[in-house]
Amino acid sequence: MGRAEKGWPGTLIKYGTGNLGRKGVHWEADFTIGRWHQLAMHIHWSEDPAKGNARLWWDGVLVLDKKVQTKGPQTVYFSQPGIHRDPHTKSVDTIYFDDFLCATTLEEIQIEKPNTARSERTAR
């Protein structure tokens, strides 16, 4: 799960496991609004924390490589990117997704830093 939160002076993105991160937040960083970012994940699904693994790249940089429980008992495999918060929190937000890829091997995707000039130009 990736999550962006309004903070001061910017915004945070968080990655956690379990229902809305209840199994723990394993990575967080500043999130620059108004530009494109690339998020890539490689998940080895397992109920056993010694066998499960989460690898996360943010803007082309590996930021997380951790053994962790990635699946609960009798649950389906899924990833849920988006804006996640308490339903009672009032907020008006917009999030855009582009170029979603799903692959069975890491070699099938290209992890790279976004083109900053294009990102800033497109975000205006």
Protein backbone atom coordinates (compact mmCIF):
# COMPACT_ATOMS: atom_id res chain seq x y z
CA MET A 1 0.00 0.00 0.00
CA GLY A 2 1.29 3.46 -0.82
CA ARG A 3 -0.22 6.40 0.97
CA ALA A 4 0.28 10.16 0.68
CA GLU A 5 -0.54 12.39 3.63
CA LYS A 6 -0.59 16.14 3.93
CA GLY A 7 2.21 17.16 6.20
CA TRP A 8 4.21 20.26 6.90
CA PRO A 9 5.78 21.58 4.77
CA GLY A 10 5.00 18.89 2.17
CA THR A 11 3.35 15.55 1.75
CA LEU A 12 4.40 12.05 2.82
CA ILE A 13 4.06 8.80 0.94
CA LYS A 14 3.98 5.61 3.01
CA TYR A 15 4.20 1.91 2.20
CA GLY A 16 2.75 -0.59 4.64
CA THR A 17 1.34 -4.09 4.75
CA GLY A 18 -1.92 -5.38 6.09
CA ASN A 19 -5.25 -3.61 5.84
CA LEU A 20 -4.27 0.06 5.41
CA GLY A 21 -0.85 -0.57 6.94
CA ARG A 22 -2.05 -2.22 10.15
CA LYS A 23 0.79 -4.76 9.89
CA GLY A 24 3.29 -1.90 9.88
CA VAL A 25 4.61 0.98 7.81
CA HIS A 26 7.88 -0.19 6.29
CA TRP A 27 8.90 2.91 4.34
CA GLU A 28 7.97 6.58 4.10
CA ALA A 29 9.39 9.61 2.33
CA ASP A 30 8.64 13.15 1.25
CA PHE A 31 6.31 13.30 -1.73
CA THR A 32 6.67 16.24 -4.10
CA ILE A 33 3.26 17.22 -5.45
CA GLY A 34 2.78 18.63 -8.94
CA ARG A 35 5.18 16.23 -10.69
CA TRP A 36 5.18 12.63 -11.87
CA HIS A 37 6.80 9.91 -9.78
CA GLN A 38 7.50 6.26 -10.50
CA LEU A 39 6.61 3.60 -7.98
CA ALA A 40 7.64 0.01 -8.68
CA MET A 41 6.96 -2.97 -6.44
CA HIS A 42 8.09 -6.58 -6.46
CA ILE A 43 6.14 -8.67 -3.98
CA HIS A 44 6.83 -12.29 -3.04
CA TRP A 45 3.49 -13.33 -1.54
CA SER A 46 3.58 -15.41 1.64
CA GLU A 47 1.81 -15.71 4.97
CA ASP A 48 5.21 -16.53 6.49
CA PRO A 49 7.20 -13.34 7.27
CA ALA A 50 10.46 -15.26 6.73
CA LYS A 51 9.42 -16.11 3.16
CA GLY A 52 7.45 -13.04 2.09
CA ASN A 53 9.35 -10.09 0.66
CA ALA A 54 8.53 -6.55 -0.40
CA ARG A 55 10.86 -4.61 -2.70
CA LEU A 56 10.00 -1.03 -3.53
CA TRP A 57 11.59 1.45 -5.93
CA TRP A 58 10.76 5.16 -5.73
CA ASP A 59 11.81 7.27 -8.71
CA GLY A 60 14.28 4.60 -9.82
CA VAL A 61 15.93 4.06 -6.44
CA LEU A 62 15.50 0.88 -4.39
CA VAL A 63 14.14 2.17 -1.06
CA LEU A 64 12.85 -1.04 0.55
CA ASP A 65 13.91 -4.69 0.42
CA LYS A 66 12.39 -6.42 3.43
CA LYS A 67 11.25 -9.85 4.56
CA VAL A 68 7.66 -9.37 5.70
CA GLN A 69 4.29 -11.11 5.78
CA THR A 70 2.69 -10.06 2.50
CA LYS A 71 -0.50 -12.10 2.67
CA GLY A 72 -2.90 -12.94 5.49
CA PRO A 73 -4.48 -16.35 6.00
CA GLN A 74 -7.25 -17.11 3.51
CA THR A 75 -6.93 -13.72 1.80
CA VAL A 76 -6.52 -12.98 -1.86
CA TYR A 77 -3.38 -11.46 -3.36
CA PHE A 78 -3.84 -7.78 -4.09
CA SER A 79 -2.17 -4.39 -4.13
CA GLN A 80 -4.17 -1.24 -3.60
CA PRO A 81 -2.39 1.96 -4.64
CA GLY A 82 -4.25 5.18 -4.01
CA ILE A 83 -5.19 7.71 -1.38
CA HIS A 84 -6.15 5.87 1.81
CA ARG A 85 -7.39 7.53 4.97
CA ASP A 86 -9.97 7.40 7.70
CA PRO A 87 -13.38 7.80 5.99
CA HIS A 88 -14.28 10.55 8.48
CA THR A 89 -11.40 12.79 7.38
CA LYS A 90 -12.67 15.59 5.15
CA SER A 91 -10.44 16.15 2.15
CA VAL A 92 -10.56 16.93 -1.56
CA ASP A 93 -7.71 15.22 -3.42
CA THR A 94 -6.82 14.19 -6.94
CA ILE A 95 -4.40 11.43 -7.89
CA TYR A 96 -3.46 10.39 -11.43
CA PHE A 97 -2.07 6.99 -12.41
CA ASP A 98 -0.38 6.28 -15.74
CA ASP A 99 1.53 3.40 -17.30
CA PHE A 100 0.46 0.65 -14.88
CA LEU A 101 2.35 -2.56 -15.61
CA CYS A 102 1.82 -6.01 -14.20
CA ALA A 103 4.50 -8.61 -14.89
CA THR A 104 5.65 -11.96 -13.60
CA THR A 105 9.36 -11.11 -13.74
CA LEU A 106 11.33 -7.99 -12.86
CA GLU A 107 13.02 -8.09 -16.26
CA GLU A 108 9.68 -7.39 -17.97
CA ILE A 109 9.50 -3.86 -16.59
CA GLN A 110 11.82 -0.89 -16.77
CA ILE A 111 12.60 0.88 -13.51
CA GLU A 112 13.98 4.34 -14.13
CA LYS A 113 14.01 7.84 -12.78
CA PRO A 114 11.22 9.92 -14.36
CA ASN A 115 12.19 12.55 -16.91
CA THR A 116 12.18 15.59 -14.62
CA ALA A 117 11.76 18.11 -17.44
CA ARG A 118 8.76 16.19 -18.82
CA SER A 119 7.35 15.69 -15.31
CA GLU A 120 7.45 19.39 -14.47
CA ARG A 121 6.10 20.39 -17.89
CA THR A 122 3.21 17.89 -17.73
CA ALA A 123 2.23 18.79 -14.17
CA ARG A 124 1.44 22.44 -14.99
